[in-house]
PDB file of N, CA and C in Angstrom:
ATOM      1  N   UNK A   1     -33.830  -5.232  37.842  1.00  0.00           N
ATOM      2  CA  UNK A   1     -33.800  -5.340  36.399  1.00  0.00           C
ATOM      3  C   UNK A   1     -32.702  -4.449  35.814  1.00  0.00           C
ATOM      4  N   UNK A   2     -32.571  -3.300  36.359  1.00  0.00           N
ATOM      5  CA  UNK A   2     -31.545  -2.386  35.875  1.00  0.00           C
ATOM      6  C   UNK A   2     -30.148  -2.954  36.120  1.00  0.00           C
ATOM      7  N   UNK A   3     -29.983  -3.603  37.224  1.00  0.00           N
ATOM      8  CA  UNK A   3     -28.694  -4.171  37.573  1.00  0.00           C
ATOM      9  C   UNK A   3     -28.335  -5.321  36.625  1.00  0.00           C
ATOM     10  N   UNK A   4     -29.319  -6.127  36.242  1.00  0.00           N
ATOM     11  CA  UNK A   4     -29.041  -7.241  35.337  1.00  0.00           C
ATOM     12  C   UNK A   4     -28.682  -6.716  33.941  1.00  0.00           C
ATOM     13  N   UNK A   5     -29.339  -5.645  33.519  1.00  0.00           N
ATOM     14  CA  UNK A   5     -28.991  -5.028  32.228  1.00  0.00           C
ATOM     15  C   UNK A   5     -27.565  -4.487  32.255  1.00  0.00           C
ATOM     16  N   UNK A   6     -27.226  -3.870  33.345  1.00  0.00           N
ATOM     17  CA  UNK A   6     -25.878  -3.317  33.479  1.00  0.00           C
ATOM     18  C   UNK A   6     -24.830  -4.424  33.410  1.00  0.00           C
ATOM     19  N   UNK A   7     -25.052  -5.524  34.108  1.00  0.00           N
ATOM     20  CA  UNK A   7     -24.104  -6.641  34.078  1.00  0.00           C
ATOM     21  C   UNK A   7     -24.008  -7.234  32.662  1.00  0.00           C
ATOM     22  N   UNK A   8     -25.157  -7.336  31.997  1.00  0.00           N
ATOM     23  CA  UNK A   8     -25.159  -7.870  30.630  1.00  0.00           C
ATOM     24  C   UNK A   8     -24.360  -6.960  29.694  1.00  0.00           C
ATOM     25  N   UNK A   9     -24.586  -5.662  29.790  1.00  0.00           N
ATOM     26  CA  UNK A   9     -23.873  -4.724  28.921  1.00  0.00           C
ATOM     27  C   UNK A   9     -22.378  -4.720  29.221  1.00  0.00           C
ATOM     28  N   UNK A  10     -21.990  -4.811  30.471  1.00  0.00           N
ATOM     29  CA  UNK A  10     -20.571  -4.856  30.841  1.00  0.00           C
ATOM     30  C   UNK A  10     -19.938  -6.134  30.300  1.00  0.00           C
ATOM     31  N   UNK A  11     -20.647  -7.263  30.432  1.00  0.00           N
ATOM     32  CA  UNK A  11     -20.121  -8.537  29.929  1.00  0.00           C
ATOM     33  C   UNK A  11     -20.000  -8.502  28.405  1.00  0.00           C
ATOM     34  N   UNK A  12     -21.006  -7.932  27.753  1.00  0.00           N
ATOM     35  CA  UNK A  12     -20.967  -7.824  26.300  1.00  0.00           C
ATOM     36  C   UNK A  12     -19.814  -6.946  25.853  1.00  0.00           C
ATOM     37  N   UNK A  13     -19.622  -5.839  26.510  1.00  0.00           N
ATOM     38  CA  UNK A  13     -18.516  -4.930  26.196  1.00  0.00           C
ATOM     39  C   UNK A  13     -17.177  -5.613  26.470  1.00  0.00           C
ATOM     40  N   UNK A  14     -17.090  -6.345  27.613  1.00  0.00           N
ATOM     41  CA  UNK A  14     -15.845  -7.016  27.986  1.00  0.00           C
ATOM     42  C   UNK A  14     -15.473  -8.097  26.973  1.00  0.00           C
ATOM     43  N   UNK A  15     -16.446  -8.694  26.329  1.00  0.00           N
ATOM     44  CA  UNK A  15     -16.147  -9.689  25.290  1.00  0.00           C
ATOM     45  C   UNK A  15     -15.925  -9.030  23.926  1.00  0.00           C
ATOM     46  N   UNK A  16     -16.619  -7.978  23.637  1.00  0.00           N
ATOM     47  CA  UNK A  16     -16.555  -7.350  22.321  1.00  0.00           C
ATOM     48  C   UNK A  16     -15.272  -6.607  22.052  1.00  0.00           C
ATOM     49  N   UNK A  17     -14.757  -5.899  23.056  1.00  0.00           N
ATOM     50  CA  UNK A  17     -13.541  -5.108  22.850  1.00  0.00           C
ATOM     51  C   UNK A  17     -12.343  -5.992  22.523  1.00  0.00           C
ATOM     52  N   UNK A  18     -12.046  -7.030  23.309  1.00  0.00           N
ATOM     53  CA  UNK A  18     -10.894  -7.880  22.948  1.00  0.00           C
ATOM     54  C   UNK A  18     -11.083  -8.590  21.602  1.00  0.00           C
ATOM     55  N   UNK A  19     -12.330  -9.014  21.317  1.00  0.00           N
ATOM     56  CA  UNK A  19     -12.560  -9.667  20.026  1.00  0.00           C
ATOM     57  C   UNK A  19     -12.366  -8.682  18.872  1.00  0.00           C
ATOM     58  N   UNK A  20     -12.766  -7.458  19.054  1.00  0.00           N
ATOM     59  CA  UNK A  20     -12.562  -6.444  18.023  1.00  0.00           C
ATOM     60  C   UNK A  20     -11.092  -6.153  17.804  1.00  0.00           C
ATOM     61  N   UNK A  21     -10.332  -6.065  18.876  1.00  0.00           N
ATOM     62  CA  UNK A  21      -8.886  -5.831  18.754  1.00  0.00           C
ATOM     63  C   UNK A  21      -8.217  -7.021  18.082  1.00  0.00           C
ATOM     64  N   UNK A  22      -8.610  -8.219  18.460  1.00  0.00           N
ATOM     65  CA  UNK A  22      -8.038  -9.427  17.857  1.00  0.00           C
ATOM     66  C   UNK A  22      -8.373  -9.492  16.369  1.00  0.00           C
ATOM     67  N   UNK A  23      -9.598  -9.195  16.001  1.00  0.00           N
ATOM     68  CA  UNK A  23      -9.994  -9.229  14.589  1.00  0.00           C
ATOM     69  C   UNK A  23      -9.224  -8.180  13.791  1.00  0.00           C
ATOM     70  N   UNK A  24      -9.011  -7.008  14.382  1.00  0.00           N
ATOM     71  CA  UNK A  24      -8.259  -5.964  13.687  1.00  0.00           C
ATOM     72  C   UNK A  24      -6.814  -6.347  13.470  1.00  0.00           C
ATOM     73  N   UNK A  25      -6.196  -6.992  14.460  1.00  0.00           N
ATOM     74  CA  UNK A  25      -4.792  -7.382  14.307  1.00  0.00           C
ATOM     75  C   UNK A  25      -4.639  -8.522  13.309  1.00  0.00           C
ATOM     76  N   UNK A  26      -5.604  -9.437  13.280  1.00  0.00           N
ATOM     77  CA  UNK A  26      -5.548 -10.537  12.311  1.00  0.00           C
ATOM     78  C   UNK A  26      -5.739  -9.993  10.897  1.00  0.00           C
ATOM     79  N   UNK A  27      -6.649  -9.063  10.730  1.00  0.00           N
ATOM     80  CA  UNK A  27      -6.888  -8.488   9.408  1.00  0.00           C
ATOM     81  C   UNK A  27      -5.689  -7.689   8.925  1.00  0.00           C
ATOM     82  N   UNK A  28      -4.969  -7.064   9.849  1.00  0.00           N
ATOM     83  CA  UNK A  28      -3.800  -6.275   9.460  1.00  0.00           C
ATOM     84  C   UNK A  28      -2.641  -7.164   9.035  1.00  0.00           C
ATOM     85  N   UNK A  29      -2.601  -8.381   9.518  1.00  0.00           N
ATOM     86  CA  UNK A  29      -1.499  -9.289   9.187  1.00  0.00           C
ATOM     87  C   UNK A  29      -1.766 -10.109   7.932  1.00  0.00           C
ATOM     88  N   UNK A  30      -2.952 -10.029   7.382  1.00  0.00           N
ATOM     89  CA  UNK A  30      -3.288 -10.809   6.191  1.00  0.00           C
ATOM     90  C   UNK A  30      -2.464 -10.305   5.006  1.00  0.00           C
ATOM     91  N   UNK A  31      -1.846 -11.206   4.257  1.00  0.00           N
ATOM     92  CA  UNK A  31      -1.049 -10.763   3.105  1.00  0.00           C
ATOM     93  C   UNK A  31      -1.949 -10.221   2.000  1.00  0.00           C
ATOM     94  N   UNK A  32      -1.454  -9.216   1.335  1.00  0.00           N
ATOM     95  CA  UNK A  32      -2.213  -8.656   0.224  1.00  0.00           C
ATOM     96  C   UNK A  32      -1.976  -9.505  -1.016  1.00  0.00           C
ATOM     97  N   UNK A  33      -3.004  -9.728  -1.822  1.00  0.00           N
ATOM     98  CA  UNK A  33      -2.811 -10.541  -3.023  1.00  0.00           C
ATOM     99  C   UNK A  33      -1.975  -9.793  -4.059  1.00  0.00           C
ATOM    100  N   UNK A  34      -1.120 -10.536  -4.730  1.00  0.00           N
ATOM    101  CA  UNK A  34      -0.263  -9.961  -5.758  1.00  0.00           C
ATOM    102  C   UNK A  34      -1.044  -9.933  -7.062  1.00  0.00           C
ATOM    103  N   UNK A  35      -1.140  -8.755  -7.644  1.00  0.00           N
ATOM    104  CA  UNK A  35      -1.868  -8.629  -8.899  1.00  0.00           C
ATOM    105  C   UNK A  35      -0.887  -8.798 -10.053  1.00  0.00           C
ATOM    106  N   UNK A  36      -1.220  -9.708 -10.953  1.00  0.00           N
ATOM    107  CA  UNK A  36      -0.370  -9.944 -12.110  1.00  0.00           C
ATOM    108  C   UNK A  36      -0.755  -8.981 -13.215  1.00  0.00           C
ATOM    109  N   UNK A  37       0.236  -8.452 -13.903  1.00  0.00           N
ATOM    110  CA  UNK A  37      -0.017  -7.535 -15.011  1.00  0.00           C
ATOM    111  C   UNK A  37      -0.335  -8.330 -16.264  1.00  0.00           C
ATOM    112  N   UNK A  38      -1.238  -7.812 -17.030  1.00  0.00           N
ATOM    113  CA  UNK A  38      -1.617  -8.437 -18.288  1.00  0.00           C
ATOM    114  C   UNK A  38      -0.449  -8.301 -19.265  1.00  0.00           C
ATOM    115  N   UNK A  39      -0.137  -9.344 -20.024  1.00  0.00           N
ATOM    116  CA  UNK A  39       1.018  -9.268 -20.940  1.00  0.00           C
ATOM    117  C   UNK A  39       0.934  -8.134 -21.948  1.00  0.00           C
ATOM    118  N   UNK A  40      -0.264  -7.756 -22.355  1.00  0.00           N
ATOM    119  CA  UNK A  40      -0.366  -6.675 -23.337  1.00  0.00           C
ATOM    120  C   UNK A  40      -0.111  -5.312 -22.708  1.00  0.00           C
ATOM    121  N   UNK A  41      -0.128  -5.232 -21.374  1.00  0.00           N
ATOM    122  CA  UNK A  41       0.092  -3.961 -20.695  1.00  0.00           C
ATOM    123  C   UNK A  41       1.533  -3.771 -20.238  1.00  0.00           C
ATOM    124  N   UNK A  42       2.403  -4.705 -20.542  1.00  0.00           N
ATOM    125  CA  UNK A  42       3.789  -4.578 -20.112  1.00  0.00           C
ATOM    126  C   UNK A  42       4.477  -3.456 -20.877  1.00  0.00           C
ATOM    127  N   UNK A  43       5.513  -2.929 -20.281  1.00  0.00           N
ATOM    128  CA  UNK A  43       6.251  -1.827 -20.906  1.00  0.00           C
ATOM    129  C   UNK A  43       6.993  -2.312 -22.141  1.00  0.00           C
ATOM    130  N   UNK A  44       7.031  -1.473 -23.145  1.00  0.00           N
ATOM    131  CA  UNK A  44       7.761  -1.802 -24.370  1.00  0.00           C
ATOM    132  C   UNK A  44       9.268  -1.683 -24.143  1.00  0.00           C
ATOM    133  N   UNK A  45       9.675  -0.987 -23.072  1.00  0.00           N
ATOM    134  CA  UNK A  45      11.105  -0.833 -22.787  1.00  0.00           C
ATOM    135  C   UNK A  45      11.738  -2.144 -22.335  1.00  0.00           C
ATOM    136  N   UNK A  46      10.923  -3.084 -21.882  1.00  0.00           N
ATOM    137  CA  UNK A  46      11.444  -4.345 -21.387  1.00  0.00           C
ATOM    138  C   UNK A  46      11.664  -5.365 -22.501  1.00  0.00           C
ATOM    139  N   UNK A  47      11.372  -4.996 -23.733  1.00  0.00           N
ATOM    140  CA  UNK A  47      11.519  -5.906 -24.855  1.00  0.00           C
ATOM    141  C   UNK A  47      13.006  -6.118 -25.144  1.00  0.00           C
ATOM    142  N   UNK A  48      13.502  -7.357 -25.036  1.00  0.00           N
ATOM    143  CA  UNK A  48      14.937  -7.591 -25.263  1.00  0.00           C
ATOM    144  C   UNK A  48      15.343  -7.431 -26.727  1.00  0.00           C
ATOM    145  N   UNK A  49      14.383  -7.524 -27.659  1.00  0.00           N
ATOM    146  CA  UNK A  49      14.713  -7.404 -29.076  1.00  0.00           C
ATOM    147  C   UNK A  49      14.695  -5.958 -29.568  1.00  0.00           C
ATOM    148  N   UNK A  50      14.283  -5.039 -28.716  1.00  0.00           N
ATOM    149  CA  UNK A  50      14.202  -3.637 -29.120  1.00  0.00           C
ATOM    150  C   UNK A  50      15.611  -3.070 -29.292  1.00  0.00           C
ATOM    151  N   UNK A  51      15.806  -2.233 -30.307  1.00  0.00           N
ATOM    152  CA  UNK A  51      17.131  -1.644 -30.495  1.00  0.00           C
ATOM    153  C   UNK A  51      17.461  -0.675 -29.360  1.00  0.00           C
ATOM    154  N   UNK A  52      18.711  -0.663 -28.975  1.00  0.00           N
ATOM    155  CA  UNK A  52      19.153   0.204 -27.886  1.00  0.00           C
ATOM    156  C   UNK A  52      19.538   1.566 -28.464  1.00  0.00           C
ATOM    157  N   UNK A  53      19.009   2.614 -27.877  1.00  0.00           N
ATOM    158  CA  UNK A  53      19.307   3.968 -28.316  1.00  0.00           C
ATOM    159  C   UNK A  53      20.123   4.621 -27.212  1.00  0.00           C
ATOM    160  N   UNK A  54      21.252   5.182 -27.590  1.00  0.00           N
ATOM    161  CA  UNK A  54      22.118   5.813 -26.611  1.00  0.00           C
ATOM    162  C   UNK A  54      21.562   7.133 -26.121  1.00  0.00           C
ATOM    163  N   UNK A  55      21.911   7.496 -24.909  1.00  0.00           N
ATOM    164  CA  UNK A  55      21.420   8.750 -24.348  1.00  0.00           C
ATOM    165  C   UNK A  55      22.010   9.942 -25.088  1.00  0.00           C
ATOM    166  N   UNK A  56      23.230   9.775 -25.626  1.00  0.00           N
ATOM    167  CA  UNK A  56      23.854  10.873 -26.354  1.00  0.00           C
ATOM    168  C   UNK A  56      23.044  11.213 -27.604  1.00  0.00           C
ATOM    169  N   UNK A  57      22.545  10.203 -28.294  1.00  0.00           N
ATOM    170  CA  UNK A  57      21.735  10.416 -29.492  1.00  0.00           C
ATOM    171  C   UNK A  57      20.441  11.144 -29.140  1.00  0.00           C
ATOM    172  N   UNK A  58      19.828  10.746 -28.049  1.00  0.00           N
ATOM    173  CA  UNK A  58      18.582  11.379 -27.617  1.00  0.00           C
ATOM    174  C   UNK A  58      18.840  12.829 -27.244  1.00  0.00           C
ATOM    175  N   UNK A  59      19.920  13.088 -26.511  1.00  0.00           N
ATOM    176  CA  UNK A  59      20.240  14.459 -26.103  1.00  0.00           C
ATOM    177  C   UNK A  59      20.517  15.345 -27.312  1.00  0.00           C
ATOM    178  N   UNK A  60      21.228  14.822 -28.306  1.00  0.00           N
ATOM    179  CA  UNK A  60      21.508  15.614 -29.507  1.00  0.00           C
ATOM    180  C   UNK A  60      20.222  15.949 -30.249  1.00  0.00           C
ATOM    181  N   UNK A  61      19.316  14.988 -30.351  1.00  0.00           N
ATOM    182  CA  UNK A  61      18.043  15.236 -31.020  1.00  0.00           C
ATOM    183  C   UNK A  61      17.226  16.280 -30.260  1.00  0.00           C
ATOM    184  N   UNK A  62      17.237  16.219 -28.955  1.00  0.00           N
ATOM    185  CA  UNK A  62      16.510  17.200 -28.146  1.00  0.00           C
ATOM    186  C   UNK A  62      17.113  18.589 -28.303  1.00  0.00           C
ATOM    187  N   UNK A  63      18.435  18.673 -28.375  1.00  0.00           N
ATOM    188  CA  UNK A  63      19.085  19.979 -28.528  1.00  0.00           C
ATOM    189  C   UNK A  63      18.735  20.592 -29.889  1.00  0.00           C
ATOM    190  N   UNK A  64      18.640  19.761 -30.923  1.00  0.00           N
ATOM    191  CA  UNK A  64      18.261  20.258 -32.243  1.00  0.00           C
ATOM    192  C   UNK A  64      16.837  20.801 -32.212  1.00  0.00           C
ATOM    193  N   UNK A  65      15.947  20.084 -31.539  1.00  0.00           N
ATOM    194  CA  UNK A  65      14.564  20.546 -31.436  1.00  0.00           C
ATOM    195  C   UNK A  65      14.484  21.856 -30.672  1.00  0.00           C
ATOM    196  N   UNK A  66      15.253  21.979 -29.610  1.00  0.00           N
ATOM    197  CA  UNK A  66      15.250  23.209 -28.816  1.00  0.00           C
ATOM    198  C   UNK A  66      15.759  24.383 -29.643  1.00  0.00           C
ATOM    199  N   UNK A  67      16.787  24.152 -30.434  1.00  0.00           N
ATOM    200  CA  UNK A  67      17.320  25.224 -31.275  1.00  0.00           C
ATOM    201  C   UNK A  67      16.294  25.659 -32.311  1.00  0.00           C
ATOM    202  N   UNK A  68      15.558  24.706 -32.898  1.00  0.00           N
ATOM    203  CA  UNK A  68      14.531  25.040 -33.874  1.00  0.00           C
ATOM    204  C   UNK A  68      13.444  25.900 -33.238  1.00  0.00           C
ATOM    205  N   UNK A  69      12.994  25.500 -32.068  1.00  0.00           N
ATOM    206  CA  UNK A  69      11.915  26.222 -31.401  1.00  0.00           C
ATOM    207  C   UNK A  69      12.396  27.596 -30.958  1.00  0.00           C
ATOM    208  N   UNK A  70      13.598  27.673 -30.409  1.00  0.00           N
ATOM    209  CA  UNK A  70      14.084  28.971 -29.930  1.00  0.00           C
ATOM    210  C   UNK A  70      14.335  29.928 -31.098  1.00  0.00           C
ATOM    211  N   UNK A  71      14.782  29.413 -32.246  1.00  0.00           N
ATOM    212  CA  UNK A  71      14.983  30.296 -33.399  1.00  0.00           C
ATOM    213  C   UNK A  71      13.641  30.762 -33.961  1.00  0.00           C
ATOM    214  N   UNK A  72      12.626  29.924 -33.882  1.00  0.00           N
ATOM    215  CA  UNK A  72      11.299  30.317 -34.357  1.00  0.00           C
ATOM    216  C   UNK A  72      10.707  31.400 -33.463  1.00  0.00           C
ATOM    217  N   UNK A  73      10.940  31.306 -32.153  1.00  0.00           N
ATOM    218  CA  UNK A  73      10.395  32.296 -31.228  1.00  0.00           C
ATOM    219  C   UNK A  73      11.241  33.556 -31.180  1.00  0.00           C
ATOM    220  N   UNK A  74      12.482  33.493 -31.627  1.00  0.00           N
ATOM    221  CA  UNK A  74      13.299  34.714 -31.613  1.00  0.00           C
ATOM    222  C   UNK A  74      12.813  35.711 -32.677  1.00  0.00           C
ATOM    223  N   UNK A  75      12.160  35.204 -33.720  1.00  0.00           N
ATOM    224  CA  UNK A  75      11.616  36.072 -34.772  1.00  0.00           C
ATOM    225  C   UNK A  75      10.172  36.479 -34.479  1.00  0.00           C
ATOM    226  N   UNK A  76       9.632  36.063 -33.380  1.00  0.00           N
ATOM    227  CA  UNK A  76       8.245  36.344 -33.008  1.00  0.00           C
ATOM    228  C   UNK A  76       8.103  37.839 -32.709  1.00  0.00           C
ATOM    229  N   UNK A  77       7.073  38.485 -33.238  1.00  0.00           N
ATOM    230  CA  UNK A  77       6.931  39.932 -32.987  1.00  0.00           C
ATOM    231  C   UNK A  77       6.553  40.186 -31.520  1.00  0.00           C
ATOM    232  N   UNK A  78       7.201  41.155 -30.941  1.00  0.00           N
ATOM    233  CA  UNK A  78       6.931  41.517 -29.542  1.00  0.00           C
ATOM    234  C   UNK A  78       5.781  42.515 -29.497  1.00  0.00           C
ATOM    235  N   UNK A  79       4.954  42.400 -28.492  1.00  0.00           N
ATOM    236  CA  UNK A  79       3.816  43.335 -28.329  1.00  0.00           C
ATOM    237  C   UNK A  79       4.215  44.526 -27.521  1.00  0.00           C
TER     238      UNK A  79
END
């Protein structure tokens, strides 16, 4: 009886291991579904009708803001 159990378990293992490897390789090759973005979630930067703002204008505005903040902190009392 012990010998028949051993043969059964060996046969089961011999069939299970290759089937498990085959199933894993097939699952790894399955293409992933492409998720479509909802139109309301698209970036506003992609709007062709949006006005184009130059980087120079943005940099100048940022420099003005930095000067305002740095001048405000230069008058800050030191502890």
